[in-house]
């Protein structure tokens, strides 16, 4: 059993599990002496042993950290036009499982979900908890940060630019290139082919239901985002960013091409 504990954790210390983790541990009927794994988002798993189980509490002794090799070698950040209903929950959960480094929820012109103020912050906190729970399940020891909701124009004006970063916008226009052409998987180039430029990280922009408006996509292109497509089918707003992330996850976690 793995539990997220807001850190930082320290070796050879006793602590009470947070209320949510304690309830989960009690549901799993842990007993004194049982072994657990904790993580605080810093990239390590921390073995722990249950000391006491109270009516509403679980106390553990923390051991020494063990590095967890579960992250993608390529940092992929998603900026997502928020889909409606519970679909954004699904995007956050599955993107976390696939190795996303961070998620930026965006308010776009065609977005059905409209968030602002306290409601937007409550949603962000909820999505952050979804990411933490997904890390518990999938074995990741780094929790991707879910950023505060922003309007697309404001975000484009200050979107981070890092050396070696590849900026992509998912597009249905005829001039959008297949993803594999712009972002080949790692590994040596084929005989006679030019080696692909090094990519240190990826920032990918995906629209809401109905996609980005022409003006929004033009603004993204003007900000340096390269238009790519994911094939001949039109994917839903909650499917497209996950398909892109799955491609990078398989390409950069699978066997090297050669």
C-alpha atoms as a PDB file:
ATOM      1  CA  UNK A   1       0.000   0.000   0.000  1.00  0.00           C
ATOM      2  CA  UNK A   2       1.263   3.460  -0.985  1.00  0.00           C
ATOM      3  CA  UNK A   3       0.127   6.731   0.552  1.00  0.00           C
ATOM      4  CA  UNK A   4       0.872  10.342  -0.292  1.00  0.00           C
ATOM      5  CA  UNK A   5       2.014  12.359   2.725  1.00  0.00           C
ATOM      6  CA  UNK A   6       2.705  16.079   2.241  1.00  0.00           C
ATOM      7  CA  UNK A   7       6.358  16.386   3.080  1.00  0.00           C
ATOM      8  CA  UNK A   8       9.092  16.683   3.467  1.00  0.00           C
ATOM      9  CA  UNK A   9       9.479  13.285   5.100  1.00  0.00           C
ATOM     10  CA  UNK A  10      12.446  12.574   7.356  1.00  0.00           C
ATOM     11  CA  UNK A  11      14.079   9.177   8.038  1.00  0.00           C
ATOM     12  CA  UNK A  12      13.734   7.474  11.426  1.00  0.00           C
ATOM     13  CA  UNK A  13      10.799   9.628  12.513  1.00  0.00           C
ATOM     14  CA  UNK A  14       7.295   8.849  13.735  1.00  0.00           C
ATOM     15  CA  UNK A  15       4.266  10.544  12.228  1.00  0.00           C
ATOM     16  CA  UNK A  16       0.507  10.314  12.043  1.00  0.00           C
ATOM     17  CA  UNK A  17      -0.849   9.691   8.554  1.00  0.00           C
ATOM     18  CA  UNK A  18      -3.014  12.497   7.159  1.00  0.00           C
ATOM     19  CA  UNK A  19      -6.768  11.924   7.687  1.00  0.00           C
ATOM     20  CA  UNK A  20      -7.437  10.687   4.148  1.00  0.00           C
ATOM     21  CA  UNK A  21      -4.514   8.267   4.155  1.00  0.00           C
ATOM     22  CA  UNK A  22      -5.419   7.091   7.670  1.00  0.00           C
ATOM     23  CA  UNK A  23      -8.999   6.323   6.601  1.00  0.00           C
ATOM     24  CA  UNK A  24      -7.738   4.449   3.571  1.00  0.00           C
ATOM     25  CA  UNK A  25      -5.299   2.455   5.690  1.00  0.00           C
ATOM     26  CA  UNK A  26      -8.051   1.579   8.171  1.00  0.00           C
ATOM     27  CA  UNK A  27     -10.327   0.429   5.343  1.00  0.00           C
ATOM     28  CA  UNK A  28      -7.487  -1.836   4.251  1.00  0.00           C
ATOM     29  CA  UNK A  29      -7.381  -3.136   7.844  1.00  0.00           C
ATOM     30  CA  UNK A  30      -3.718  -2.394   8.533  1.00  0.00           C
ATOM     31  CA  UNK A  31      -2.323  -3.647  11.812  1.00  0.00           C
ATOM     32  CA  UNK A  32       0.717  -2.692  13.920  1.00  0.00           C
ATOM     33  CA  UNK A  33       3.810  -4.142  12.279  1.00  0.00           C
ATOM     34  CA  UNK A  34       2.441  -3.918   8.734  1.00  0.00           C
ATOM     35  CA  UNK A  35       4.700  -2.411   6.073  1.00  0.00           C
ATOM     36  CA  UNK A  36       3.631   0.606   3.999  1.00  0.00           C
ATOM     37  CA  UNK A  37       5.184   2.836   1.354  1.00  0.00           C
ATOM     38  CA  UNK A  38       4.926   6.613   1.681  1.00  0.00           C
ATOM     39  CA  UNK A  39       5.905   9.356  -0.759  1.00  0.00           C
ATOM     40  CA  UNK A  40       5.958  13.124  -0.424  1.00  0.00           C
ATOM     41  CA  UNK A  41       6.255  14.104  -4.081  1.00  0.00           C
ATOM     42  CA  UNK A  42      10.027  14.518  -3.963  1.00  0.00           C
ATOM     43  CA  UNK A  43      10.860  11.514  -6.148  1.00  0.00           C
ATOM     44  CA  UNK A  44      11.478   8.815  -3.520  1.00  0.00           C
ATOM     45  CA  UNK A  45       9.471   6.049  -1.881  1.00  0.00           C
ATOM     46  CA  UNK A  46       9.774   5.869   1.895  1.00  0.00           C
ATOM     47  CA  UNK A  47       9.278   2.470   3.559  1.00  0.00           C
ATOM     48  CA  UNK A  48       7.302   2.764   6.791  1.00  0.00           C
ATOM     49  CA  UNK A  49       5.958   0.459   9.492  1.00  0.00           C
ATOM     50  CA  UNK A  50       2.638   0.822  11.261  1.00  0.00           C
ATOM     51  CA  UNK A  51       3.112   1.536  14.974  1.00  0.00           C
ATOM     52  CA  UNK A  52      -0.439   2.174  16.228  1.00  0.00           C
ATOM     53  CA  UNK A  53      -3.947   2.076  14.802  1.00  0.00           C
ATOM     54  CA  UNK A  54      -6.454   4.235  16.662  1.00  0.00           C
ATOM     55  CA  UNK A  55     -10.112   4.902  16.075  1.00  0.00           C
ATOM     56  CA  UNK A  56      -9.345   7.805  13.721  1.00  0.00           C
ATOM     57  CA  UNK A  57      -5.573   7.677  13.401  1.00  0.00           C
ATOM     58  CA  UNK A  58      -2.688   5.577  12.112  1.00  0.00           C
ATOM     59  CA  UNK A  59       0.849   6.213  13.395  1.00  0.00           C
ATOM     60  CA  UNK A  60       3.893   4.985  11.473  1.00  0.00           C
ATOM     61  CA  UNK A  61       7.679   4.934  11.746  1.00  0.00           C
ATOM     62  CA  UNK A  62       9.364   6.271   8.598  1.00  0.00           C
ATOM     63  CA  UNK A  63      12.398   4.456   7.222  1.00  0.00           C
ATOM     64  CA  UNK A  64      15.000   5.571   4.689  1.00  0.00           C
ATOM     65  CA  UNK A  65      14.183   6.831   1.170  1.00  0.00           C
ATOM     66  CA  UNK A  66      14.456   4.715  -1.943  1.00  0.00           C
ATOM     67  CA  UNK A  67      14.686   6.515  -5.311  1.00  0.00           C
ATOM     68  CA  UNK A  68      11.744   5.644  -7.559  1.00  0.00           C
ATOM     69  CA  UNK A  69      12.588   5.256 -11.260  1.00  0.00           C
ATOM     70  CA  UNK A  70       9.063   5.889 -12.546  1.00  0.00           C
ATOM     71  CA  UNK A  71       9.338   9.254 -14.321  1.00  0.00           C
ATOM     72  CA  UNK A  72       9.522   9.875 -18.050  1.00  0.00           C
ATOM     73  CA  UNK A  73      12.999  10.929 -19.196  1.00  0.00           C
ATOM     74  CA  UNK A  74      11.264  13.712 -21.130  1.00  0.00           C
ATOM     75  CA  UNK A  75       9.171  16.274 -19.210  1.00  0.00           C
ATOM     76  CA  UNK A  76       5.802  16.661 -20.945  1.00  0.00           C
ATOM     77  CA  UNK A  77       3.520  19.475 -19.761  1.00  0.00           C
ATOM     78  CA  UNK A  78      -0.110  19.690 -20.888  1.00  0.00           C
ATOM     79  CA  UNK A  79      -2.111  22.892 -21.280  1.00  0.00           C
ATOM     80  CA  UNK A  80      -5.728  21.798 -21.672  1.00  0.00           C
ATOM     81  CA  UNK A  81      -8.881  23.654 -22.608  1.00  0.00           C
ATOM     82  CA  UNK A  82     -11.057  22.319 -19.788  1.00  0.00           C
ATOM     83  CA  UNK A  83     -13.640  19.743 -20.911  1.00  0.00           C
ATOM     84  CA  UNK A  84     -17.003  19.697 -19.138  1.00  0.00           C
ATOM     85  CA  UNK A  85     -18.530  17.491 -16.463  1.00  0.00           C
ATOM     86  CA  UNK A  86     -16.151  14.925 -14.962  1.00  0.00           C
ATOM     87  CA  UNK A  87     -13.948  14.668 -18.031  1.00  0.00           C
ATOM     88  CA  UNK A  88     -11.289  16.994 -16.651  1.00  0.00           C
ATOM     89  CA  UNK A  89     -10.985  14.614 -13.674  1.00  0.00           C
ATOM     90  CA  UNK A  90     -10.279  11.841 -16.176  1.00  0.00           C
ATOM     91  CA  UNK A  91      -7.688  13.935 -18.012  1.00  0.00           C
ATOM     92  CA  UNK A  92      -5.840  14.687 -14.763  1.00  0.00           C
ATOM     93  CA  UNK A  93      -5.999  11.092 -13.526  1.00  0.00           C
ATOM     94  CA  UNK A  94      -4.910   9.408 -16.755  1.00  0.00           C
ATOM     95  CA  UNK A  95      -2.313  12.048 -17.624  1.00  0.00           C
ATOM     96  CA  UNK A  96      -0.744  11.487 -14.197  1.00  0.00           C
ATOM     97  CA  UNK A  97      -0.639   7.737 -14.821  1.00  0.00           C
ATOM     98  CA  UNK A  98       1.009   8.360 -18.206  1.00  0.00           C
ATOM     99  CA  UNK A  99       3.756  10.504 -16.654  1.00  0.00           C
ATOM    100  CA  UNK A 100       2.731  14.116 -17.221  1.00  0.00           C
ATOM    101  CA  UNK A 101       5.050  16.655 -15.558  1.00  0.00           C
ATOM    102  CA  UNK A 102       2.416  19.355 -15.059  1.00  0.00           C
ATOM    103  CA  UNK A 103      -1.103  20.356 -16.097  1.00  0.00           C
ATOM    104  CA  UNK A 104      -2.376  23.839 -16.936  1.00  0.00           C
ATOM    105  CA  UNK A 105      -6.201  24.111 -17.067  1.00  0.00           C
ATOM    106  CA  UNK A 106      -7.265  26.773 -19.575  1.00  0.00           C
ATOM    107  CA  UNK A 107     -10.409  28.777 -20.146  1.00  0.00           C
ATOM    108  CA  UNK A 108     -10.997  28.994 -23.904  1.00  0.00           C
ATOM    109  CA  UNK A 109     -13.719  30.632 -25.999  1.00  0.00           C
ATOM    110  CA  UNK A 110     -15.513  27.362 -26.742  1.00  0.00           C
ATOM    111  CA  UNK A 111     -15.124  25.907 -23.249  1.00  0.00           C
ATOM    112  CA  UNK A 112     -18.353  24.628 -21.686  1.00  0.00           C
ATOM    113  CA  UNK A 113     -16.841  24.659 -18.201  1.00  0.00           C
ATOM    114  CA  UNK A 114     -16.505  28.256 -16.953  1.00  0.00           C
ATOM    115  CA  UNK A 115     -14.530  28.745 -13.748  1.00  0.00           C
ATOM    116  CA  UNK A 116     -13.346  31.812 -11.883  1.00  0.00           C
ATOM    117  CA  UNK A 117     -12.470  32.993  -8.385  1.00  0.00           C
ATOM    118  CA  UNK A 118     -13.015  30.669  -5.434  1.00  0.00           C
ATOM    119  CA  UNK A 119     -14.794  28.071  -7.545  1.00  0.00           C
ATOM    120  CA  UNK A 120     -11.783  27.819  -9.841  1.00  0.00           C
ATOM    121  CA  UNK A 121      -9.441  27.391  -6.859  1.00  0.00           C
ATOM    122  CA  UNK A 122     -11.650  24.685  -5.335  1.00  0.00           C
ATOM    123  CA  UNK A 123     -11.577  22.836  -8.645  1.00  0.00           C
ATOM    124  CA  UNK A 124      -7.807  23.177  -8.849  1.00  0.00           C
ATOM    125  CA  UNK A 125      -7.455  21.729  -5.335  1.00  0.00           C
ATOM    126  CA  UNK A 126      -9.771  18.873  -6.307  1.00  0.00           C
ATOM    127  CA  UNK A 127      -7.727  18.110  -9.438  1.00  0.00           C
ATOM    128  CA  UNK A 128      -4.508  18.229  -7.405  1.00  0.00           C
ATOM    129  CA  UNK A 129      -6.007  15.604  -5.066  1.00  0.00           C
ATOM    130  CA  UNK A 130      -6.936  13.509  -8.120  1.00  0.00           C
ATOM    131  CA  UNK A 131      -3.293  13.661  -9.257  1.00  0.00           C
ATOM    132  CA  UNK A 132      -2.068  12.621  -5.799  1.00  0.00           C
ATOM    133  CA  UNK A 133      -4.429   9.634  -5.722  1.00  0.00           C
ATOM    134  CA  UNK A 134      -3.333   8.622  -9.229  1.00  0.00           C
ATOM    135  CA  UNK A 135       0.311   8.694  -8.100  1.00  0.00           C
ATOM    136  CA  UNK A 136      -0.551   6.415  -5.177  1.00  0.00           C
ATOM    137  CA  UNK A 137      -2.088   3.923  -7.586  1.00  0.00           C
ATOM    138  CA  UNK A 138       0.445   3.988 -10.419  1.00  0.00           C
ATOM    139  CA  UNK A 139       3.680   4.072  -8.406  1.00  0.00           C
ATOM    140  CA  UNK A 140       4.892   7.568  -9.255  1.00  0.00           C
ATOM    141  CA  UNK A 141       6.788   9.383  -6.517  1.00  0.00           C
ATOM    142  CA  UNK A 142       6.535  12.848  -8.095  1.00  0.00           C
ATOM    143  CA  UNK A 143       3.124  14.492  -8.123  1.00  0.00           C
ATOM    144  CA  UNK A 144       2.466  16.689 -11.165  1.00  0.00           C
ATOM    145  CA  UNK A 145       1.390  20.194 -10.243  1.00  0.00           C
ATOM    146  CA  UNK A 146      -2.030  21.344 -11.414  1.00  0.00           C
ATOM    147  CA  UNK A 147      -1.728  25.081 -12.027  1.00  0.00           C
ATOM    148  CA  UNK A 148      -4.367  27.719 -11.359  1.00  0.00           C
ATOM    149  CA  UNK A 149      -6.988  28.135 -14.080  1.00  0.00           C
ATOM    150  CA  UNK A 150      -6.032  30.813 -16.603  1.00  0.00           C
ATOM    151  CA  UNK A 151      -7.632  32.325 -19.691  1.00  0.00           C
ATOM    152  CA  UNK A 152      -5.798  31.195 -22.811  1.00  0.00           C
ATOM    153  CA  UNK A 153      -4.677  34.698 -23.963  1.00  0.00           C
ATOM    154  CA  UNK A 154      -3.157  35.508 -20.562  1.00  0.00           C
ATOM    155  CA  UNK A 155      -1.402  32.143 -20.429  1.00  0.00           C
ATOM    156  CA  UNK A 156       0.009  32.471 -23.952  1.00  0.00           C
ATOM    157  CA  UNK A 157       1.446  35.864 -23.015  1.00  0.00           C
ATOM    158  CA  UNK A 158       3.598  34.322 -20.281  1.00  0.00           C
ATOM    159  CA  UNK A 159       3.889  30.623 -21.225  1.00  0.00           C
ATOM    160  CA  UNK A 160       7.321  29.384 -20.126  1.00  0.00           C
ATOM    161  CA  UNK A 161      10.064  29.057 -22.716  1.00  0.00           C
ATOM    162  CA  UNK A 162      12.922  26.695 -21.872  1.00  0.00           C
ATOM    163  CA  UNK A 163      16.022  25.778 -23.920  1.00  0.00           C
ATOM    164  CA  UNK A 164      15.321  22.685 -25.990  1.00  0.00           C
ATOM    165  CA  UNK A 165      11.568  22.867 -25.318  1.00  0.00           C
ATOM    166  CA  UNK A 166       9.205  21.727 -28.057  1.00  0.00           C
ATOM    167  CA  UNK A 167       5.933  23.684 -28.186  1.00  0.00           C
ATOM    168  CA  UNK A 168       3.018  21.901 -29.850  1.00  0.00           C
ATOM    169  CA  UNK A 169      -0.626  22.780 -30.497  1.00  0.00           C
ATOM    170  CA  UNK A 170      -3.080  20.084 -31.552  1.00  0.00           C
ATOM    171  CA  UNK A 171      -4.696  21.200 -34.787  1.00  0.00           C
ATOM    172  CA  UNK A 172      -7.224  19.960 -37.351  1.00  0.00           C
ATOM    173  CA  UNK A 173      -5.951  22.269 -40.099  1.00  0.00           C
ATOM    174  CA  UNK A 174      -4.579  20.811 -43.310  1.00  0.00           C
ATOM    175  CA  UNK A 175      -1.082  22.193 -42.707  1.00  0.00           C
ATOM    176  CA  UNK A 176      -0.680  20.459 -39.316  1.00  0.00           C
ATOM    177  CA  UNK A 177       2.083  17.865 -39.463  1.00  0.00           C
ATOM    178  CA  UNK A 178       1.794  14.347 -38.041  1.00  0.00           C
ATOM    179  CA  UNK A 179       3.152  14.304 -34.501  1.00  0.00           C
ATOM    180  CA  UNK A 180       5.783  11.670 -35.304  1.00  0.00           C
ATOM    181  CA  UNK A 181       7.309  13.912 -37.981  1.00  0.00           C
ATOM    182  CA  UNK A 182       7.976  16.770 -35.569  1.00  0.00           C
ATOM    183  CA  UNK A 183       8.712  14.790 -32.421  1.00  0.00           C
ATOM    184  CA  UNK A 184      10.399  11.502 -33.300  1.00  0.00           C
ATOM    185  CA  UNK A 185      10.984   8.974 -30.526  1.00  0.00           C
ATOM    186  CA  UNK A 186      14.395   8.667 -28.966  1.00  0.00           C
ATOM    187  CA  UNK A 187      17.070   6.433 -30.392  1.00  0.00           C
ATOM    188  CA  UNK A 188      19.638   6.601 -33.193  1.00  0.00           C
ATOM    189  CA  UNK A 189      18.541   7.936 -36.559  1.00  0.00           C
ATOM    190  CA  UNK A 190      17.894   5.488 -39.371  1.00  0.00           C
ATOM    191  CA  UNK A 191      20.775   4.931 -41.829  1.00  0.00           C
ATOM    192  CA  UNK A 192      21.098   7.950 -44.107  1.00  0.00           C
ATOM    193  CA  UNK A 193      18.687  10.090 -42.066  1.00  0.00           C
ATOM    194  CA  UNK A 194      19.622  13.284 -40.267  1.00  0.00           C
ATOM    195  CA  UNK A 195      19.589  12.976 -36.499  1.00  0.00           C
ATOM    196  CA  UNK A 196      16.573  14.549 -34.824  1.00  0.00           C
ATOM    197  CA  UNK A 197      17.219  17.715 -32.814  1.00  0.00           C
ATOM    198  CA  UNK A 198      17.477  17.192 -29.085  1.00  0.00           C
ATOM    199  CA  UNK A 199      14.231  17.827 -27.227  1.00  0.00           C
ATOM    200  CA  UNK A 200      14.540  18.540 -23.513  1.00  0.00           C
ATOM    201  CA  UNK A 201      10.851  19.014 -22.751  1.00  0.00           C
ATOM    202  CA  UNK A 202       7.453  19.343 -24.383  1.00  0.00           C
ATOM    203  CA  UNK A 203       4.680  21.867 -23.813  1.00  0.00           C
ATOM    204  CA  UNK A 204       1.505  20.739 -25.589  1.00  0.00           C
ATOM    205  CA  UNK A 205      -1.670  22.790 -26.003  1.00  0.00           C
ATOM    206  CA  UNK A 206      -5.025  21.089 -26.567  1.00  0.00           C
ATOM    207  CA  UNK A 207      -8.418  22.737 -26.998  1.00  0.00           C
ATOM    208  CA  UNK A 208     -11.811  22.183 -25.314  1.00  0.00           C
ATOM    209  CA  UNK A 209     -14.975  20.738 -26.881  1.00  0.00           C
ATOM    210  CA  UNK A 210     -15.107  22.120 -30.399  1.00  0.00           C
ATOM    211  CA  UNK A 211     -11.375  22.813 -30.364  1.00  0.00           C
ATOM    212  CA  UNK A 212      -9.569  26.123 -30.344  1.00  0.00           C
ATOM    213  CA  UNK A 213     -11.092  28.913 -32.392  1.00  0.00           C
ATOM    214  CA  UNK A 214      -9.128  30.003 -35.491  1.00  0.00           C
ATOM    215  CA  UNK A 215      -8.048  33.153 -33.657  1.00  0.00           C
ATOM    216  CA  UNK A 216      -6.877  31.145 -30.623  1.00  0.00           C
ATOM    217  CA  UNK A 217      -4.877  28.757 -32.762  1.00  0.00           C
ATOM    218  CA  UNK A 218      -3.362  31.654 -34.696  1.00  0.00           C
ATOM    219  CA  UNK A 219      -2.301  33.215 -31.377  1.00  0.00           C
ATOM    220  CA  UNK A 220      -0.713  29.936 -30.291  1.00  0.00           C
ATOM    221  CA  UNK A 221       1.185  29.655 -33.555  1.00  0.00           C
ATOM    222  CA  UNK A 222       2.371  33.234 -33.208  1.00  0.00           C
ATOM    223  CA  UNK A 223       3.665  32.311 -29.730  1.00  0.00           C
ATOM    224  CA  UNK A 224       5.835  29.571 -31.224  1.00  0.00           C
ATOM    225  CA  UNK A 225       3.559  26.530 -30.973  1.00  0.00           C
ATOM    226  CA  UNK A 226       3.955  24.114 -33.884  1.00  0.00           C
ATOM    227  CA  UNK A 227       0.680  22.631 -35.244  1.00  0.00           C
ATOM    228  CA  UNK A 228       0.461  18.837 -35.139  1.00  0.00           C
ATOM    229  CA  UNK A 229      -2.278  16.289 -35.709  1.00  0.00           C
ATOM    230  CA  UNK A 230      -2.843  12.861 -34.235  1.00  0.00           C
ATOM    231  CA  UNK A 231      -4.222  11.164 -37.328  1.00  0.00           C
ATOM    232  CA  UNK A 232      -7.325  11.168 -39.525  1.00  0.00           C
ATOM    233  CA  UNK A 233      -9.895  10.860 -36.715  1.00  0.00           C
ATOM    234  CA  UNK A 234     -11.327  13.728 -34.689  1.00  0.00           C
ATOM    235  CA  UNK A 235     -10.687  12.955 -31.018  1.00  0.00           C
ATOM    236  CA  UNK A 236     -12.689  14.257 -28.081  1.00  0.00           C
ATOM    237  CA  UNK A 237     -11.326  17.044 -25.897  1.00  0.00           C
ATOM    238  CA  UNK A 238     -10.556  14.553 -23.123  1.00  0.00           C
ATOM    239  CA  UNK A 239      -9.008  11.980 -25.494  1.00  0.00           C
ATOM    240  CA  UNK A 240      -6.654  14.103 -27.603  1.00  0.00           C
ATOM    241  CA  UNK A 241      -4.224  15.274 -24.866  1.00  0.00           C
ATOM    242  CA  UNK A 242      -4.064  11.742 -23.455  1.00  0.00           C
ATOM    243  CA  UNK A 243      -3.316  10.289 -26.895  1.00  0.00           C
ATOM    244  CA  UNK A 244      -0.458  12.753 -27.321  1.00  0.00           C
ATOM    245  CA  UNK A 245       0.923  11.977 -23.872  1.00  0.00           C
ATOM    246  CA  UNK A 246       0.604   8.223 -24.455  1.00  0.00           C
ATOM    247  CA  UNK A 247       2.659   8.600 -27.637  1.00  0.00           C
ATOM    248  CA  UNK A 248       5.465  10.339 -25.754  1.00  0.00           C
ATOM    249  CA  UNK A 249       5.219   7.877 -22.868  1.00  0.00           C
ATOM    250  CA  UNK A 250       5.625   4.876 -25.165  1.00  0.00           C
ATOM    251  CA  UNK A 251       8.235   6.511 -27.370  1.00  0.00           C
ATOM    252  CA  UNK A 252      10.453   7.586 -24.472  1.00  0.00           C
ATOM    253  CA  UNK A 253       9.862   4.758 -22.014  1.00  0.00           C
ATOM    254  CA  UNK A 254       9.853   1.882 -24.463  1.00  0.00           C
ATOM    255  CA  UNK A 255      12.800   0.171 -26.200  1.00  0.00           C
ATOM    256  CA  UNK A 256      15.087   2.528 -28.044  1.00  0.00           C
ATOM    257  CA  UNK A 257      14.423   2.681 -31.774  1.00  0.00           C
ATOM    258  CA  UNK A 258      17.158   1.401 -34.001  1.00  0.00           C
END
